[in-house]
Amino acid sequence: SHSAGLDLPGRFLFATLTLMTLIAILVFIEEAVYIYRKIPSSKRSIIIWINAAAPVISTTSCIGMWVPRSTMFTDFTAGIFFAIVIHKFLMMMIKECGGQKVLLRRFENGHFTISTGPCCCCCLCLPRVPITRQTLFWLKLGTFQFAVFRPVLIFLSIVLWTNGNYVLNNLSPKRPALWISCFIGALTLFALWAVGIMFRKVRILLKCKNIIPKFALYQFIVILNQLQTTIINIFATQRIIPCAPPLSSTARGSYIAQQLLIMEMFLITVISRVVYRRKYHDLEPPECVAEEPGDKNQTP
């Protein structure tokens, strides 16, 4: 293991980051127990999944930092988990509105604004789409395809990698890495677009459920996990990050990416605990009004 070759500051950094990961895991476990006790079963698993995103990414980065050879597998694990969480976030917004039926009733003659990021923020001429069972189905499919195809594509890259055909840093058009990366990129954009469309519609309605900070946290996880890591990897392959023996540029790049992710996900885990930790007594009425007396008995 290379950790024997670490100097004192290096060891201190590794120890601190490992401690941060452990604290993130403990905070998450404590949060999961709270959710399990306080939240009705229909929303329980979704909220636990979403809260697990940051500690899981933190843990995979920590394993990748200690065992550099496992980086590809830890990245893939984080990637699969992350794809599922995007779908869960969309489902959470629908559930927080009271479920699909209530949502369709509430926005009976409403429209989705589809000129929103990350795909179409500039195309303001796009038509507004009526909110129907079909359009809701398409939005759900938009995130669901990512949760299904991303693991499939990742499995494909592992198969090609063991075969020697998949080289992460070889982005020539003849190689599959470029095509798989582009395809995953396109699927990611579609999934994020679906969540963005939904968020624009429900953010005012769910303001009392902290949806805006929840969405901000979710966006941070997306940006840090996807963009930051990609940018650092490009810098490393272009040798903008210099090599420092015994580490090559790419190894140093993945180190930097992992260490940043551990710190960021630690912060997000702690902030999530604050944002998701709220009294869930306003479960039935989606408005932020005081409940009528009749709603009291629906509180679990």
Protein backbone atom coordinates (compact mmCIF):
# COMPACT_ATOMS: atom_id res chain seq x y z
CA SER A 1 0.00 0.00 0.00
CA HIS A 2 1.20 3.50 -0.76
CA SER A 3 0.02 4.84 2.59
CA ALA A 4 3.29 3.64 4.13
CA GLY A 5 5.02 6.20 1.91
CA LEU A 6 2.97 9.11 3.20
CA ASP A 7 4.69 11.90 5.08
CA LEU A 8 3.21 13.25 8.29
CA PRO A 9 0.91 15.90 6.72
CA GLY A 10 -0.24 13.26 4.25
CA ARG A 11 -1.11 10.83 7.04
CA PHE A 12 -2.87 13.57 8.95
CA LEU A 13 -4.95 14.44 5.87
CA PHE A 14 -5.87 10.79 5.31
CA ALA A 15 -6.84 10.38 8.96
CA THR A 16 -8.92 13.57 8.98
CA LEU A 17 -10.77 12.65 5.77
CA THR A 18 -11.43 9.11 7.02
CA LEU A 19 -12.80 10.56 10.25
CA MET A 20 -15.04 12.92 8.25
CA THR A 21 -16.39 9.94 6.31
CA LEU A 22 -17.10 8.02 9.51
CA ILE A 23 -18.89 11.03 11.03
CA ALA A 24 -20.95 11.40 7.82
CA ILE A 25 -21.98 7.74 8.08
CA LEU A 26 -22.94 8.12 11.75
CA VAL A 27 -24.92 11.30 11.09
CA PHE A 28 -26.75 9.49 8.29
CA ILE A 29 -27.54 6.44 10.46
CA GLU A 30 -28.89 8.69 13.19
CA GLU A 31 -30.97 10.57 10.58
CA ALA A 32 -32.27 7.30 9.09
CA VAL A 33 -33.45 6.14 12.53
CA TYR A 34 -35.21 9.47 13.04
CA ILE A 35 -36.89 9.28 9.62
CA TYR A 36 -37.90 5.71 10.32
CA ARG A 37 -39.60 6.69 13.55
CA LYS A 38 -41.17 9.97 12.47
CA ILE A 39 -42.13 9.73 8.79
CA PRO A 40 -45.05 7.76 7.29
CA SER A 41 -43.99 4.64 5.43
CA SER A 42 -44.99 5.98 2.00
CA LYS A 43 -42.19 8.56 2.06
CA ARG A 44 -39.75 6.85 4.38
CA SER A 45 -37.60 4.92 1.92
CA ILE A 46 -37.44 7.78 -0.60
CA ILE A 47 -36.18 10.27 1.97
CA ILE A 48 -33.66 7.77 3.35
CA TRP A 49 -32.36 7.12 -0.20
CA ILE A 50 -31.93 10.82 -0.90
CA ASN A 51 -30.19 11.39 2.43
CA ALA A 52 -27.89 8.45 1.75
CA ALA A 53 -26.45 10.00 -1.44
CA ALA A 54 -23.82 12.18 0.25
CA PRO A 55 -22.54 9.60 2.79
CA VAL A 56 -22.38 6.90 0.09
CA ILE A 57 -20.33 9.13 -2.24
CA SER A 58 -18.15 10.08 0.72
CA THR A 59 -17.57 6.40 1.57
CA THR A 60 -16.75 5.37 -2.01
CA SER A 61 -14.32 8.30 -2.27
CA CYS A 62 -12.70 7.27 1.00
CA ILE A 63 -12.25 3.68 -0.17
CA GLY A 64 -10.88 4.99 -3.47
CA MET A 65 -8.42 7.18 -1.57
CA TRP A 66 -7.09 4.30 0.55
CA VAL A 67 -7.13 1.70 -2.25
CA PRO A 68 -6.28 3.60 -5.44
CA ARG A 69 -6.73 0.53 -7.62
CA SER A 70 -10.40 0.39 -6.71
CA THR A 71 -11.10 3.91 -8.01
CA MET A 72 -12.91 2.71 -11.10
CA PHE A 73 -15.25 0.48 -9.07
CA THR A 74 -15.89 3.08 -6.36
CA ASP A 75 -16.69 5.70 -9.03
CA PHE A 76 -19.07 3.26 -10.66
CA THR A 77 -20.79 2.47 -7.37
CA ALA A 78 -21.26 6.17 -6.65
CA GLY A 79 -22.51 6.66 -10.21
CA ILE A 80 -25.18 3.96 -9.95
CA PHE A 81 -26.34 5.19 -6.57
CA PHE A 82 -26.49 8.73 -7.81
CA ALA A 83 -28.65 7.73 -10.82
CA ILE A 84 -31.19 6.12 -8.49
CA VAL A 85 -31.23 9.19 -6.23
CA ILE A 86 -32.15 11.53 -9.11
CA HIS A 87 -35.22 9.37 -9.78
CA LYS A 88 -36.05 9.26 -6.07
CA PHE A 89 -35.87 13.05 -5.86
CA LEU A 90 -38.49 13.43 -8.59
CA MET A 91 -40.69 10.85 -6.85
CA MET A 92 -40.25 12.71 -3.55
CA MET A 93 -41.57 15.94 -5.10
CA ILE A 94 -44.64 14.08 -6.38
CA LYS A 95 -45.16 12.40 -2.98
CA GLU A 96 -44.75 15.67 -1.09
CA CYS A 97 -47.57 17.14 -3.20
CA GLY A 98 -49.79 14.35 -1.88
CA GLY A 99 -49.12 11.81 -4.63
CA GLN A 100 -49.91 11.72 -8.32
CA LYS A 101 -53.73 11.93 -8.06
CA VAL A 102 -53.66 14.94 -5.75
CA LEU A 103 -51.01 16.61 -7.90
CA LEU A 104 -53.10 16.13 -11.08
CA ARG A 105 -56.19 17.49 -9.30
CA ARG A 106 -54.32 20.46 -7.91
CA PHE A 107 -52.76 21.48 -11.26
CA GLU A 108 -55.79 20.48 -13.30
CA ASN A 109 -55.45 23.16 -15.97
CA GLY A 110 -51.79 23.90 -15.25
CA HIS A 111 -48.84 23.63 -17.61
CA PHE A 112 -45.25 22.50 -17.25
CA THR A 113 -42.68 25.05 -18.39
CA ILE A 114 -40.19 22.89 -20.25
CA SER A 115 -37.76 25.68 -21.12
CA THR A 116 -35.69 25.03 -18.03
CA GLY A 117 -32.12 23.84 -17.40
CA PRO A 118 -29.95 21.97 -18.07
CA CYS A 119 -31.25 21.17 -21.57
CA CYS A 120 -33.47 23.98 -22.72
CA CYS A 121 -32.99 27.05 -20.55
CA CYS A 122 -32.31 29.14 -23.66
CA CYS A 123 -35.19 27.84 -25.80
CA LEU A 124 -37.87 30.14 -24.47
CA CYS A 125 -40.02 29.47 -27.54
CA LEU A 126 -40.76 25.91 -26.39
CA PRO A 127 -44.48 25.27 -25.85
CA ARG A 128 -45.83 24.84 -22.34
CA VAL A 129 -47.05 21.31 -21.81
CA PRO A 130 -50.37 20.60 -20.07
CA ILE A 131 -50.06 18.64 -16.84
CA THR A 132 -51.69 15.27 -17.47
CA ARG A 133 -51.11 11.68 -16.49
CA GLN A 134 -49.10 11.26 -19.73
CA THR A 135 -46.77 14.20 -19.16
CA LEU A 136 -46.19 13.05 -15.58
CA PHE A 137 -45.41 9.60 -16.94
CA TRP A 138 -42.84 11.09 -19.35
CA LEU A 139 -41.18 13.02 -16.54
CA LYS A 140 -40.96 9.89 -14.41
CA LEU A 141 -39.60 7.98 -17.39
CA GLY A 142 -37.01 10.75 -17.87
CA THR A 143 -35.43 9.99 -14.51
CA PHE A 144 -36.21 6.28 -14.49
CA GLN A 145 -34.33 5.63 -17.76
CA PHE A 146 -31.22 7.06 -16.09
CA ALA A 147 -31.60 4.82 -13.05
CA VAL A 148 -31.87 1.82 -15.41
CA PHE A 149 -29.43 2.66 -18.23
CA ARG A 150 -26.61 4.08 -16.17
CA PRO A 151 -25.93 0.80 -14.30
CA VAL A 152 -26.22 -1.07 -17.64
CA LEU A 153 -23.69 1.23 -19.34
CA ILE A 154 -21.42 1.05 -16.30
CA PHE A 155 -21.60 -2.76 -16.38
CA LEU A 156 -20.73 -2.60 -20.08
CA SER A 157 -17.70 -0.40 -19.37
CA ILE A 158 -16.49 -2.81 -16.67
CA VAL A 159 -16.79 -5.72 -19.12
CA LEU A 160 -14.88 -3.75 -21.79
CA TRP A 161 -12.35 -2.64 -19.16
CA THR A 162 -11.57 -6.20 -18.02
CA ASN A 163 -11.21 -7.02 -21.70
CA GLY A 164 -8.76 -4.15 -22.14
CA ASN A 165 -10.94 -2.17 -24.57
CA TYR A 166 -12.13 0.49 -22.17
CA VAL A 167 -9.46 3.01 -21.22
CA LEU A 168 -10.88 5.81 -19.11
CA ASN A 169 -8.51 8.46 -20.37
CA ASN A 170 -8.37 7.40 -23.99
CA LEU A 171 -11.05 9.59 -25.52
CA SER A 172 -10.36 8.89 -29.19
CA PRO A 173 -13.52 8.38 -31.33
CA LYS A 174 -12.43 4.83 -32.13
CA ARG A 175 -12.56 3.88 -28.47
CA PRO A 176 -15.78 3.00 -26.60
CA ALA A 177 -14.92 5.21 -23.61
CA LEU A 178 -15.80 8.39 -25.50
CA TRP A 179 -19.13 7.06 -26.76
CA ILE A 180 -20.17 5.60 -23.41
CA SER A 181 -19.26 8.88 -21.67
CA CYS A 182 -21.23 10.95 -24.19
CA PHE A 183 -24.24 8.65 -23.92
CA ILE A 184 -24.18 8.75 -20.11
CA GLY A 185 -23.86 12.54 -20.36
CA ALA A 186 -26.95 12.81 -22.56
CA LEU A 187 -28.98 10.52 -20.27
CA THR A 188 -27.87 12.57 -17.25
CA LEU A 189 -29.04 15.80 -18.88
CA PHE A 190 -32.45 14.31 -19.65
CA ALA A 191 -32.88 13.10 -16.08
CA LEU A 192 -31.83 16.46 -14.61
CA TRP A 193 -34.14 18.23 -17.05
CA ALA A 194 -37.14 16.18 -15.86
CA VAL A 195 -36.36 17.05 -12.23
CA GLY A 196 -35.93 20.73 -13.15
CA ILE A 197 -39.32 20.86 -14.92
CA MET A 198 -41.03 19.29 -11.92
CA PHE A 199 -39.26 21.55 -9.43
CA ARG A 200 -40.32 24.71 -11.25
CA LYS A 201 -43.93 23.63 -10.97
CA VAL A 202 -44.02 22.58 -7.30
CA ARG A 203 -41.46 24.83 -5.61
CA ILE A 204 -44.01 27.45 -4.46
CA LEU A 205 -46.46 24.80 -3.27
CA LEU A 206 -43.78 22.89 -1.33
CA LYS A 207 -42.00 25.90 0.07
CA CYS A 208 -43.07 24.95 3.60
CA LYS A 209 -41.51 21.52 3.10
CA ASN A 210 -38.09 23.11 2.62
CA ILE A 211 -38.09 22.04 -1.02
CA ILE A 212 -35.82 24.90 -2.10
CA PRO A 213 -32.88 24.04 0.21
CA LYS A 214 -33.48 20.33 -0.52
CA PHE A 215 -33.26 21.03 -4.23
CA ALA A 216 -30.14 23.15 -3.68
CA LEU A 217 -28.45 20.28 -1.81
CA TYR A 218 -29.45 17.85 -4.56
CA GLN A 219 -28.02 20.25 -7.18
CA PHE A 220 -24.76 20.51 -5.23
CA ILE A 221 -24.44 16.71 -5.16
CA VAL A 222 -25.04 16.64 -8.94
CA ILE A 223 -22.54 19.39 -9.72
CA LEU A 224 -19.79 18.21 -7.38
CA ASN A 225 -20.17 14.54 -8.24
CA GLN A 226 -20.47 14.98 -12.00
CA LEU A 227 -18.90 18.24 -13.13
CA GLN A 228 -16.13 18.68 -10.59
CA THR A 229 -14.85 15.12 -11.03
CA THR A 230 -15.04 15.37 -14.83
CA ILE A 231 -13.17 18.70 -14.88
CA ILE A 232 -10.43 17.39 -12.57
CA ASN A 233 -10.08 14.24 -14.72
CA ILE A 234 -9.75 16.35 -17.88
CA PHE A 235 -7.12 18.52 -16.17
CA ALA A 236 -5.26 15.37 -15.14
CA THR A 237 -5.33 13.76 -18.60
CA GLN A 238 -4.15 17.04 -20.15
CA ARG A 239 -1.31 17.07 -17.56
CA ILE A 240 -2.48 20.43 -16.16
CA ILE A 241 -2.24 18.73 -12.76
CA PRO A 242 1.47 17.84 -12.66
CA CYS A 243 2.58 14.36 -11.70
CA ALA A 244 4.42 13.91 -8.40
CA PRO A 245 6.28 10.57 -8.20
CA PRO A 246 5.19 7.95 -7.31
CA LEU A 247 1.81 9.30 -8.51
CA SER A 248 1.02 9.98 -12.16
CA SER A 249 -1.11 12.97 -13.16
CA THR A 250 -4.26 10.87 -13.41
CA ALA A 251 -3.65 9.24 -10.02
CA ARG A 252 -3.15 12.68 -8.45
CA GLY A 253 -6.25 13.92 -10.24
CA SER A 254 -8.41 11.16 -8.80
CA TYR A 255 -6.86 11.78 -5.35
CA ILE A 256 -7.74 15.45 -5.47
CA ALA A 257 -11.26 14.65 -6.70
CA GLN A 258 -11.80 12.08 -3.93
CA GLN A 259 -10.45 14.28 -1.16
CA LEU A 260 -12.59 17.24 -2.25
CA LEU A 261 -15.67 15.01 -2.50
CA ILE A 262 -15.15 13.64 1.02
CA MET A 263 -15.09 17.15 2.49
CA GLU A 264 -18.02 18.39 0.38
CA MET A 265 -20.20 15.35 1.02
CA PHE A 266 -19.44 15.60 4.74
CA LEU A 267 -20.80 19.16 4.72
CA ILE A 268 -23.82 18.17 2.62
CA THR A 269 -24.61 15.28 4.99
CA VAL A 270 -24.59 17.60 7.98
CA ILE A 271 -26.67 20.28 6.21
CA SER A 272 -29.14 17.65 4.92
CA ARG A 273 -29.75 16.54 8.46
CA VAL A 274 -30.82 20.09 9.32
CA VAL A 275 -32.94 20.55 6.17
CA TYR A 276 -34.76 17.21 6.31
CA ARG A 277 -35.15 17.33 10.09
CA ARG A 278 -38.46 19.11 10.43
CA LYS A 279 -41.70 18.36 12.13
CA TYR A 280 -43.74 16.19 9.82
CA HIS A 281 -47.12 17.07 11.25
CA ASP A 282 -48.26 18.88 8.11
CA LEU A 283 -48.40 15.62 6.18
CA GLU A 284 -51.85 15.72 4.68
CA PRO A 285 -52.49 19.30 3.61
CA PRO A 286 -49.82 20.32 1.11
CA GLU A 287 -50.45 24.01 1.80
CA CYS A 288 -48.60 25.68 4.59
CA VAL A 289 -51.74 26.51 6.49
CA ALA A 290 -52.63 25.39 9.96
CA GLU A 291 -54.48 22.11 9.71
CA GLU A 292 -58.19 21.89 10.17
CA PRO A 293 -59.15 19.86 13.24
CA GLY A 294 -60.15 16.99 10.92
CA ASP A 295 -56.56 16.57 9.75
CA LYS A 296 -55.20 15.85 13.19
CA ASN A 297 -56.23 12.22 13.20
CA GLN A 298 -54.28 11.54 10.00
CA THR A 299 -50.98 12.25 11.66
CA PRO A 300 -49.28 8.89 12.24
